PDB file of all heavy atoms in Angstrom:
ATOM      1  N   ASN A   1       7.443  -8.004  -5.981  1.00  0.00           N
ATOM      2  CA  ASN A   1       6.656  -8.050  -7.209  1.00  0.00           C
ATOM      3  C   ASN A   1       6.476  -6.645  -7.776  1.00  0.00           C
ATOM      4  O   ASN A   1       6.576  -6.437  -8.996  1.00  0.00           O
ATOM      5  CB  ASN A   1       5.307  -8.691  -6.912  1.00  0.00           C
ATOM      6  CG  ASN A   1       4.667  -9.295  -8.119  1.00  0.00           C
ATOM      7  OD1 ASN A   1       5.317  -9.520  -9.116  1.00  0.00           O
ATOM      8  ND2 ASN A   1       3.384  -9.577  -8.016  1.00  0.00           N
ATOM      9  N   HIS A   2       6.212  -5.695  -6.907  1.00  0.00           N
ATOM     10  CA  HIS A   2       6.058  -4.303  -7.320  1.00  0.00           C
ATOM     11  C   HIS A   2       7.348  -3.787  -7.957  1.00  0.00           C
ATOM     12  O   HIS A   2       7.322  -3.169  -9.023  1.00  0.00           O
ATOM     13  CB  HIS A   2       5.675  -3.444  -6.121  1.00  0.00           C
ATOM     14  CG  HIS A   2       5.627  -1.986  -6.405  1.00  0.00           C
ATOM     15  ND1 HIS A   2       4.575  -1.397  -7.045  1.00  0.00           N
ATOM     16  CD2 HIS A   2       6.510  -1.000  -6.146  1.00  0.00           C
ATOM     17  CE1 HIS A   2       4.808  -0.103  -7.169  1.00  0.00           C
ATOM     18  NE2 HIS A   2       5.974   0.157  -6.625  1.00  0.00           N
ATOM     19  N   VAL A   3       8.485  -4.053  -7.315  1.00  0.00           N
ATOM     20  CA  VAL A   3       9.774  -3.584  -7.819  1.00  0.00           C
ATOM     21  C   VAL A   3      10.104  -4.249  -9.157  1.00  0.00           C
ATOM     22  O   VAL A   3      10.576  -3.594 -10.083  1.00  0.00           O
ATOM     23  CB  VAL A   3      10.890  -3.856  -6.779  1.00  0.00           C
ATOM     24  CG1 VAL A   3      12.268  -3.614  -7.368  1.00  0.00           C
ATOM     25  CG2 VAL A   3      10.675  -3.001  -5.547  1.00  0.00           C
ATOM     26  N   LYS A   4       9.825  -5.530  -9.258  1.00  0.00           N
ATOM     27  CA  LYS A   4      10.150  -6.279 -10.469  1.00  0.00           C
ATOM     28  C   LYS A   4       9.337  -5.813 -11.670  1.00  0.00           C
ATOM     29  O   LYS A   4       9.848  -5.716 -12.784  1.00  0.00           O
ATOM     30  CB  LYS A   4       9.890  -7.764 -10.219  1.00  0.00           C
ATOM     31  CG  LYS A   4      10.210  -8.658 -11.382  1.00  0.00           C
ATOM     32  CD  LYS A   4       9.939 -10.109 -11.026  1.00  0.00           C
ATOM     33  CE  LYS A   4      10.183 -11.021 -12.202  1.00  0.00           C
ATOM     34  NZ  LYS A   4       9.865 -12.416 -11.865  1.00  0.00           N
ATOM     35  N   HIS A   5       8.068  -5.495 -11.454  1.00  0.00           N
ATOM     36  CA  HIS A   5       7.182  -5.176 -12.572  1.00  0.00           C
ATOM     37  C   HIS A   5       6.904  -3.688 -12.745  1.00  0.00           C
ATOM     38  O   HIS A   5       6.191  -3.310 -13.675  1.00  0.00           O
ATOM     39  CB  HIS A   5       5.862  -5.928 -12.423  1.00  0.00           C
ATOM     40  CG  HIS A   5       6.039  -7.408 -12.460  1.00  0.00           C
ATOM     41  ND1 HIS A   5       6.374  -8.079 -13.607  1.00  0.00           N
ATOM     42  CD2 HIS A   5       5.966  -8.350 -11.490  1.00  0.00           C
ATOM     43  CE1 HIS A   5       6.484  -9.365 -13.355  1.00  0.00           C
ATOM     44  NE2 HIS A   5       6.237  -9.561 -12.070  1.00  0.00           N
ATOM     45  N   LYS A   6       7.474  -2.856 -11.893  1.00  0.00           N
ATOM     46  CA  LYS A   6       7.259  -1.411 -12.016  1.00  0.00           C
ATOM     47  C   LYS A   6       7.744  -0.855 -13.359  1.00  0.00           C
ATOM     48  O   LYS A   6       7.061  -0.023 -13.959  1.00  0.00           O
ATOM     49  CB  LYS A   6       7.929  -0.680 -10.859  1.00  0.00           C
ATOM     50  CG  LYS A   6       7.605   0.778 -10.820  1.00  0.00           C
ATOM     51  CD  LYS A   6       8.201   1.447  -9.606  1.00  0.00           C
ATOM     52  CE  LYS A   6       7.834   2.910  -9.600  1.00  0.00           C
ATOM     53  NZ  LYS A   6       8.403   3.583  -8.444  1.00  0.00           N
ATOM     54  N   PRO A   7       8.916  -1.290 -13.885  1.00  0.00           N
ATOM     55  CA  PRO A   7       9.337  -0.776 -15.201  1.00  0.00           C
ATOM     56  C   PRO A   7       8.371  -1.117 -16.336  1.00  0.00           C
ATOM     57  O   PRO A   7       8.371  -0.457 -17.365  1.00  0.00           O
ATOM     58  CB  PRO A   7      10.686  -1.457 -15.436  1.00  0.00           C
ATOM     59  CG  PRO A   7      11.177  -1.842 -14.104  1.00  0.00           C
ATOM     60  CD  PRO A   7       9.946  -2.122 -13.283  1.00  0.00           C
ATOM     61  N   LEU A   8       7.540  -2.113 -16.128  1.00  0.00           N
ATOM     62  CA  LEU A   8       6.578  -2.504 -17.161  1.00  0.00           C
ATOM     63  C   LEU A   8       5.241  -1.781 -17.014  1.00  0.00           C
ATOM     64  O   LEU A   8       4.297  -2.071 -17.734  1.00  0.00           O
ATOM     65  CB  LEU A   8       6.348  -4.017 -17.096  1.00  0.00           C
ATOM     66  CG  LEU A   8       7.597  -4.881 -17.287  1.00  0.00           C
ATOM     67  CD1 LEU A   8       7.290  -6.338 -17.020  1.00  0.00           C
ATOM     68  CD2 LEU A   8       8.164  -4.679 -18.672  1.00  0.00           C
ATOM     69  N   GLY A   9       5.149  -0.860 -16.035  1.00  0.00           N
ATOM     70  CA  GLY A   9       3.936  -0.085 -15.867  1.00  0.00           C
ATOM     71  C   GLY A   9       3.036  -0.530 -14.731  1.00  0.00           C
ATOM     72  O   GLY A   9       1.937  -0.017 -14.568  1.00  0.00           O
ATOM     73  N   PHE A  10       3.484  -1.481 -13.924  1.00  0.00           N
ATOM     74  CA  PHE A  10       2.681  -1.967 -12.802  1.00  0.00           C
ATOM     75  C   PHE A  10       2.652  -0.917 -11.696  1.00  0.00           C
ATOM     76  O   PHE A  10       3.683  -0.445 -11.251  1.00  0.00           O
ATOM     77  CB  PHE A  10       3.291  -3.267 -12.279  1.00  0.00           C
ATOM     78  CG  PHE A  10       2.543  -3.852 -11.113  1.00  0.00           C
ATOM     79  CD1 PHE A  10       1.302  -4.418 -11.304  1.00  0.00           C
ATOM     80  CD2 PHE A  10       3.082  -3.824  -9.851  1.00  0.00           C
ATOM     81  CE1 PHE A  10       0.608  -4.967 -10.240  1.00  0.00           C
ATOM     82  CE2 PHE A  10       2.400  -4.364  -8.789  1.00  0.00           C
ATOM     83  CZ  PHE A  10       1.161  -4.931  -8.981  1.00  0.00           C
ATOM     84  N   ARG A  11       1.443  -0.541 -11.245  1.00  0.00           N
ATOM     85  CA  ARG A  11       1.308   0.463 -10.193  1.00  0.00           C
ATOM     86  C   ARG A  11       0.359  -0.011  -9.104  1.00  0.00           C
ATOM     87  O   ARG A  11      -0.297   0.785  -8.449  1.00  0.00           O
ATOM     88  CB  ARG A  11       0.768   1.753 -10.787  1.00  0.00           C
ATOM     89  CG  ARG A  11       1.656   2.368 -11.813  1.00  0.00           C
ATOM     90  CD  ARG A  11       1.045   3.581 -12.422  1.00  0.00           C
ATOM     91  NE  ARG A  11       0.195   4.270 -11.476  1.00  0.00           N
ATOM     92  CZ  ARG A  11      -0.372   5.425 -11.663  1.00  0.00           C
ATOM     93  NH1 ARG A  11      -0.214   6.020 -12.800  1.00  0.00           N
ATOM     94  NH2 ARG A  11      -1.131   5.981 -10.762  1.00  0.00           N
ATOM     95  N   GLY A  12       0.258  -1.278  -8.869  1.00  0.00           N
ATOM     96  CA  GLY A  12      -0.768  -1.843  -8.019  1.00  0.00           C
ATOM     97  C   GLY A  12      -0.666  -1.636  -6.532  1.00  0.00           C
ATOM     98  O   GLY A  12      -1.669  -1.656  -5.842  1.00  0.00           O
ATOM     99  N   TYR A  13       0.519  -1.452  -5.949  1.00  0.00           N
ATOM    100  CA  TYR A  13       0.634  -1.461  -4.497  1.00  0.00           C
ATOM    101  C   TYR A  13       1.040  -0.141  -3.883  1.00  0.00           C
ATOM    102  O   TYR A  13       1.236  -0.059  -2.698  1.00  0.00           O
ATOM    103  CB  TYR A  13       1.647  -2.515  -4.057  1.00  0.00           C
ATOM    104  CG  TYR A  13       1.237  -3.912  -4.407  1.00  0.00           C
ATOM    105  CD1 TYR A  13       1.976  -4.670  -5.289  1.00  0.00           C
ATOM    106  CD2 TYR A  13       0.082  -4.459  -3.867  1.00  0.00           C
ATOM    107  CE1 TYR A  13       1.595  -5.948  -5.614  1.00  0.00           C
ATOM    108  CE2 TYR A  13      -0.312  -5.738  -4.196  1.00  0.00           C
ATOM    109  CZ  TYR A  13       0.452  -6.475  -5.068  1.00  0.00           C
ATOM    110  OH  TYR A  13       0.070  -7.729  -5.388  1.00  0.00           O
ATOM    111  N   ASN A  14       1.233   0.884  -4.646  1.00  0.00           N
ATOM    112  CA  ASN A  14       1.765   2.120  -4.098  1.00  0.00           C
ATOM    113  C   ASN A  14       0.646   3.122  -3.814  1.00  0.00           C
ATOM    114  O   ASN A  14       0.329   3.968  -4.628  1.00  0.00           O
ATOM    115  CB  ASN A  14       2.794   2.719  -5.055  1.00  0.00           C
ATOM    116  CG  ASN A  14       3.712   3.675  -4.351  1.00  0.00           C
ATOM    117  OD1 ASN A  14       3.632   3.844  -3.145  1.00  0.00           O
ATOM    118  ND2 ASN A  14       4.573   4.306  -5.099  1.00  0.00           N
ATOM    119  N   PHE A  15       0.066   3.014  -2.616  1.00  0.00           N
ATOM    120  CA  PHE A  15      -0.984   3.928  -2.180  1.00  0.00           C
ATOM    121  C   PHE A  15      -0.566   4.537  -0.843  1.00  0.00           C
ATOM    122  O   PHE A  15      -1.001   4.084   0.214  1.00  0.00           O
ATOM    123  CB  PHE A  15      -2.321   3.193  -2.023  1.00  0.00           C
ATOM    124  CG  PHE A  15      -2.814   2.574  -3.294  1.00  0.00           C
ATOM    125  CD1 PHE A  15      -2.791   1.199  -3.447  1.00  0.00           C
ATOM    126  CD2 PHE A  15      -3.282   3.352  -4.326  1.00  0.00           C
ATOM    127  CE1 PHE A  15      -3.242   0.610  -4.618  1.00  0.00           C
ATOM    128  CE2 PHE A  15      -3.741   2.775  -5.500  1.00  0.00           C
ATOM    129  CZ  PHE A  15      -3.720   1.404  -5.646  1.00  0.00           C
ATOM    130  N   PRO A  16       0.298   5.556  -0.843  1.00  0.00           N
ATOM    131  CA  PRO A  16       0.824   6.088   0.409  1.00  0.00           C
ATOM    132  C   PRO A  16      -0.238   6.686   1.330  1.00  0.00           C
ATOM    133  O   PRO A  16      -0.067   6.688   2.544  1.00  0.00           O
ATOM    134  CB  PRO A  16       1.827   7.150  -0.021  1.00  0.00           C
ATOM    135  CG  PRO A  16       1.694   7.319  -1.473  1.00  0.00           C
ATOM    136  CD  PRO A  16       0.862   6.216  -2.014  1.00  0.00           C
ATOM    137  N   LEU A  17      -1.343   7.153   0.796  1.00  0.00           N
ATOM    138  CA  LEU A  17      -2.377   7.741   1.649  1.00  0.00           C
ATOM    139  C   LEU A  17      -3.200   6.680   2.376  1.00  0.00           C
ATOM    140  O   LEU A  17      -3.896   6.984   3.341  1.00  0.00           O
ATOM    141  CB  LEU A  17      -3.291   8.635   0.819  1.00  0.00           C
ATOM    142  CG  LEU A  17      -2.610   9.848   0.195  1.00  0.00           C
ATOM    143  CD1 LEU A  17      -3.603  10.625  -0.647  1.00  0.00           C
ATOM    144  CD2 LEU A  17      -1.988  10.735   1.251  1.00  0.00           C
ATOM    145  N   MET A  18      -3.109   5.433   1.931  1.00  0.00           N
ATOM    146  CA  MET A  18      -3.831   4.356   2.597  1.00  0.00           C
ATOM    147  C   MET A  18      -3.127   3.881   3.867  1.00  0.00           C
ATOM    148  O   MET A  18      -3.756   3.328   4.754  1.00  0.00           O
ATOM    149  CB  MET A  18      -3.980   3.161   1.652  1.00  0.00           C
ATOM    150  CG  MET A  18      -5.024   3.353   0.589  1.00  0.00           C
ATOM    151  SD  MET A  18      -6.670   3.565   1.261  1.00  0.00           S
ATOM    152  CE  MET A  18      -7.013   1.929   1.846  1.00  0.00           C
ATOM    153  N   PHE A  19      -1.819   4.097   3.960  1.00  0.00           N
ATOM    154  CA  PHE A  19      -1.068   3.596   5.100  1.00  0.00           C
ATOM    155  C   PHE A  19      -1.562   4.161   6.426  1.00  0.00           C
ATOM    156  O   PHE A  19      -1.804   3.387   7.367  1.00  0.00           O
ATOM    157  CB  PHE A  19       0.432   3.858   4.916  1.00  0.00           C
ATOM    158  CG  PHE A  19       1.267   3.283   6.009  1.00  0.00           C
ATOM    159  CD1 PHE A  19       1.365   1.910   6.166  1.00  0.00           C
ATOM    160  CD2 PHE A  19       1.928   4.098   6.895  1.00  0.00           C
ATOM    161  CE1 PHE A  19       2.123   1.370   7.180  1.00  0.00           C
ATOM    162  CE2 PHE A  19       2.684   3.570   7.912  1.00  0.00           C
ATOM    163  CZ  PHE A  19       2.790   2.201   8.053  1.00  0.00           C
ATOM    164  N   PRO A  20      -1.757   5.488   6.578  1.00  0.00           N
ATOM    165  CA  PRO A  20      -2.291   5.976   7.860  1.00  0.00           C
ATOM    166  C   PRO A  20      -3.670   5.402   8.173  1.00  0.00           C
ATOM    167  O   PRO A  20      -3.970   5.083   9.329  1.00  0.00           O
ATOM    168  CB  PRO A  20      -2.369   7.488   7.683  1.00  0.00           C
ATOM    169  CG  PRO A  20      -1.465   7.798   6.559  1.00  0.00           C
ATOM    170  CD  PRO A  20      -1.424   6.582   5.688  1.00  0.00           C
ATOM    171  N   TYR A  21      -4.498   5.230   7.164  1.00  0.00           N
ATOM    172  CA  TYR A  21      -5.817   4.649   7.365  1.00  0.00           C
ATOM    173  C   TYR A  21      -5.711   3.215   7.888  1.00  0.00           C
ATOM    174  O   TYR A  21      -6.437   2.815   8.797  1.00  0.00           O
ATOM    175  CB  TYR A  21      -6.601   4.677   6.052  1.00  0.00           C
ATOM    176  CG  TYR A  21      -7.885   3.901   6.109  1.00  0.00           C
ATOM    177  CD1 TYR A  21      -8.995   4.407   6.778  1.00  0.00           C
ATOM    178  CD2 TYR A  21      -7.983   2.645   5.517  1.00  0.00           C
ATOM    179  CE1 TYR A  21     -10.171   3.684   6.843  1.00  0.00           C
ATOM    180  CE2 TYR A  21      -9.148   1.923   5.574  1.00  0.00           C
ATOM    181  CZ  TYR A  21     -10.243   2.440   6.241  1.00  0.00           C
ATOM    182  OH  TYR A  21     -11.394   1.719   6.315  1.00  0.00           O
ATOM    183  N   ILE A  22      -4.810   2.439   7.307  1.00  0.00           N
ATOM    184  CA  ILE A  22      -4.623   1.043   7.727  1.00  0.00           C
ATOM    185  C   ILE A  22      -4.114   0.976   9.156  1.00  0.00           C
ATOM    186  O   ILE A  22      -4.578   0.170   9.963  1.00  0.00           O
ATOM    187  CB  ILE A  22      -3.678   0.317   6.756  1.00  0.00           C
ATOM    188  CG1 ILE A  22      -4.360   0.144   5.402  1.00  0.00           C
ATOM    189  CG2 ILE A  22      -3.243  -1.027   7.311  1.00  0.00           C
ATOM    190  CD1 ILE A  22      -3.442  -0.306   4.301  1.00  0.00           C
ATOM    191  N   VAL A  23      -3.159   1.839   9.508  1.00  0.00           N
ATOM    192  CA  VAL A  23      -2.610   1.848  10.870  1.00  0.00           C
ATOM    193  C   VAL A  23      -3.693   2.202  11.880  1.00  0.00           C
ATOM    194  O   VAL A  23      -3.836   1.534  12.910  1.00  0.00           O
ATOM    195  CB  VAL A  23      -1.420   2.824  10.966  1.00  0.00           C
ATOM    196  CG1 VAL A  23      -0.999   3.029  12.404  1.00  0.00           C
ATOM    197  CG2 VAL A  23      -0.250   2.311  10.141  1.00  0.00           C
ATOM    198  N   VAL A  24      -4.473   3.226  11.601  1.00  0.00           N
ATOM    199  CA  VAL A  24      -5.544   3.620  12.522  1.00  0.00           C
ATOM    200  C   VAL A  24      -6.604   2.525  12.610  1.00  0.00           C
ATOM    201  O   VAL A  24      -7.070   2.186  13.700  1.00  0.00           O
ATOM    202  CB  VAL A  24      -6.170   4.960  12.075  1.00  0.00           C
ATOM    203  CG1 VAL A  24      -7.437   5.269  12.845  1.00  0.00           C
ATOM    204  CG2 VAL A  24      -5.169   6.088  12.246  1.00  0.00           C
ATOM    205  N   SER A  25      -6.952   1.943  11.481  1.00  0.00           N
ATOM    206  CA  SER A  25      -7.959   0.888  11.474  1.00  0.00           C
ATOM    207  C   SER A  25      -7.516  -0.316  12.298  1.00  0.00           C
ATOM    208  O   SER A  25      -8.288  -0.842  13.105  1.00  0.00           O
ATOM    209  CB  SER A  25      -8.231   0.461  10.033  1.00  0.00           C
ATOM    210  OG  SER A  25      -9.094  -0.635   9.997  1.00  0.00           O
ATOM    211  N   LEU A  26      -6.271  -0.744  12.127  1.00  0.00           N
ATOM    212  CA  LEU A  26      -5.781  -1.891  12.889  1.00  0.00           C
ATOM    213  C   LEU A  26      -5.611  -1.551  14.366  1.00  0.00           C
ATOM    214  O   LEU A  26      -5.775  -2.415  15.225  1.00  0.00           O
ATOM    215  CB  LEU A  26      -4.477  -2.407  12.288  1.00  0.00           C
ATOM    216  CG  LEU A  26      -4.616  -3.103  10.933  1.00  0.00           C
ATOM    217  CD1 LEU A  26      -3.251  -3.436  10.366  1.00  0.00           C
ATOM    218  CD2 LEU A  26      -5.470  -4.345  11.053  1.00  0.00           C
ATOM    219  N   SER A  27      -5.276  -0.304  14.669  1.00  0.00           N
ATOM    220  CA  SER A  27      -5.144   0.099  16.069  1.00  0.00           C
ATOM    221  C   SER A  27      -6.491   0.086  16.782  1.00  0.00           C
ATOM    222  O   SER A  27      -6.589  -0.340  17.929  1.00  0.00           O
ATOM    223  CB  SER A  27      -4.550   1.511  16.159  1.00  0.00           C
ATOM    224  OG  SER A  27      -3.268   1.531  15.601  1.00  0.00           O
ATOM    225  N   LEU A  28      -7.518   0.546  16.095  1.00  0.00           N
ATOM    226  CA  LEU A  28      -8.841   0.572  16.704  1.00  0.00           C
ATOM    227  C   LEU A  28      -9.479  -0.811  16.779  1.00  0.00           C
ATOM    228  O   LEU A  28     -10.400  -1.030  17.562  1.00  0.00           O
ATOM    229  CB  LEU A  28      -9.760   1.512  15.915  1.00  0.00           C
ATOM    230  CG  LEU A  28      -9.392   2.983  15.982  1.00  0.00           C
ATOM    231  CD1 LEU A  28     -10.316   3.789  15.076  1.00  0.00           C
ATOM    232  CD2 LEU A  28      -9.452   3.504  17.409  1.00  0.00           C
ATOM    233  N   ARG A  29      -8.996  -1.731  15.975  1.00  0.00           N
ATOM    234  CA  ARG A  29      -9.566  -3.080  15.955  1.00  0.00           C
ATOM    235  C   ARG A  29      -8.688  -4.099  16.672  1.00  0.00           C
ATOM    236  O   ARG A  29      -8.778  -5.282  16.417  1.00  0.00           O
ATOM    237  CB  ARG A  29      -9.757  -3.530  14.517  1.00  0.00           C
ATOM    238  CG  ARG A  29     -10.805  -2.744  13.815  1.00  0.00           C
ATOM    239  CD  ARG A  29     -10.877  -3.167  12.393  1.00  0.00           C
ATOM    240  NE  ARG A  29     -12.157  -2.770  11.837  1.00  0.00           N
ATOM    241  CZ  ARG A  29     -12.674  -3.299  10.768  1.00  0.00           C
ATOM    242  NH1 ARG A  29     -12.047  -4.243  10.128  1.00  0.00           N
ATOM    243  NH2 ARG A  29     -13.829  -2.877  10.320  1.00  0.00           N
ATOM    244  N   ASN A  30      -7.830  -3.637  17.561  1.00  0.00           N
ATOM    245  CA  ASN A  30      -6.937  -4.575  18.235  1.00  0.00           C
ATOM    246  C   ASN A  30      -7.718  -5.549  19.102  1.00  0.00           C
ATOM    247  O   ASN A  30      -8.820  -5.260  19.539  1.00  0.00           O
ATOM    248  CB  ASN A  30      -5.856  -3.832  19.027  1.00  0.00           C
ATOM    249  CG  ASN A  30      -6.402  -3.092  20.220  1.00  0.00           C
ATOM    250  OD1 ASN A  30      -7.242  -3.600  20.934  1.00  0.00           O
ATOM    251  ND2 ASN A  30      -5.917  -1.894  20.434  1.00  0.00           N
TER     252      ASN A  30
END
């Protein structure tokens, strides 16, 4: 969905700084 709508200005899913936070959060909540 991101790839399909990116040329139209969609920027909803690209948050690279959130990825380390998500990995650490899921690791601590295993």
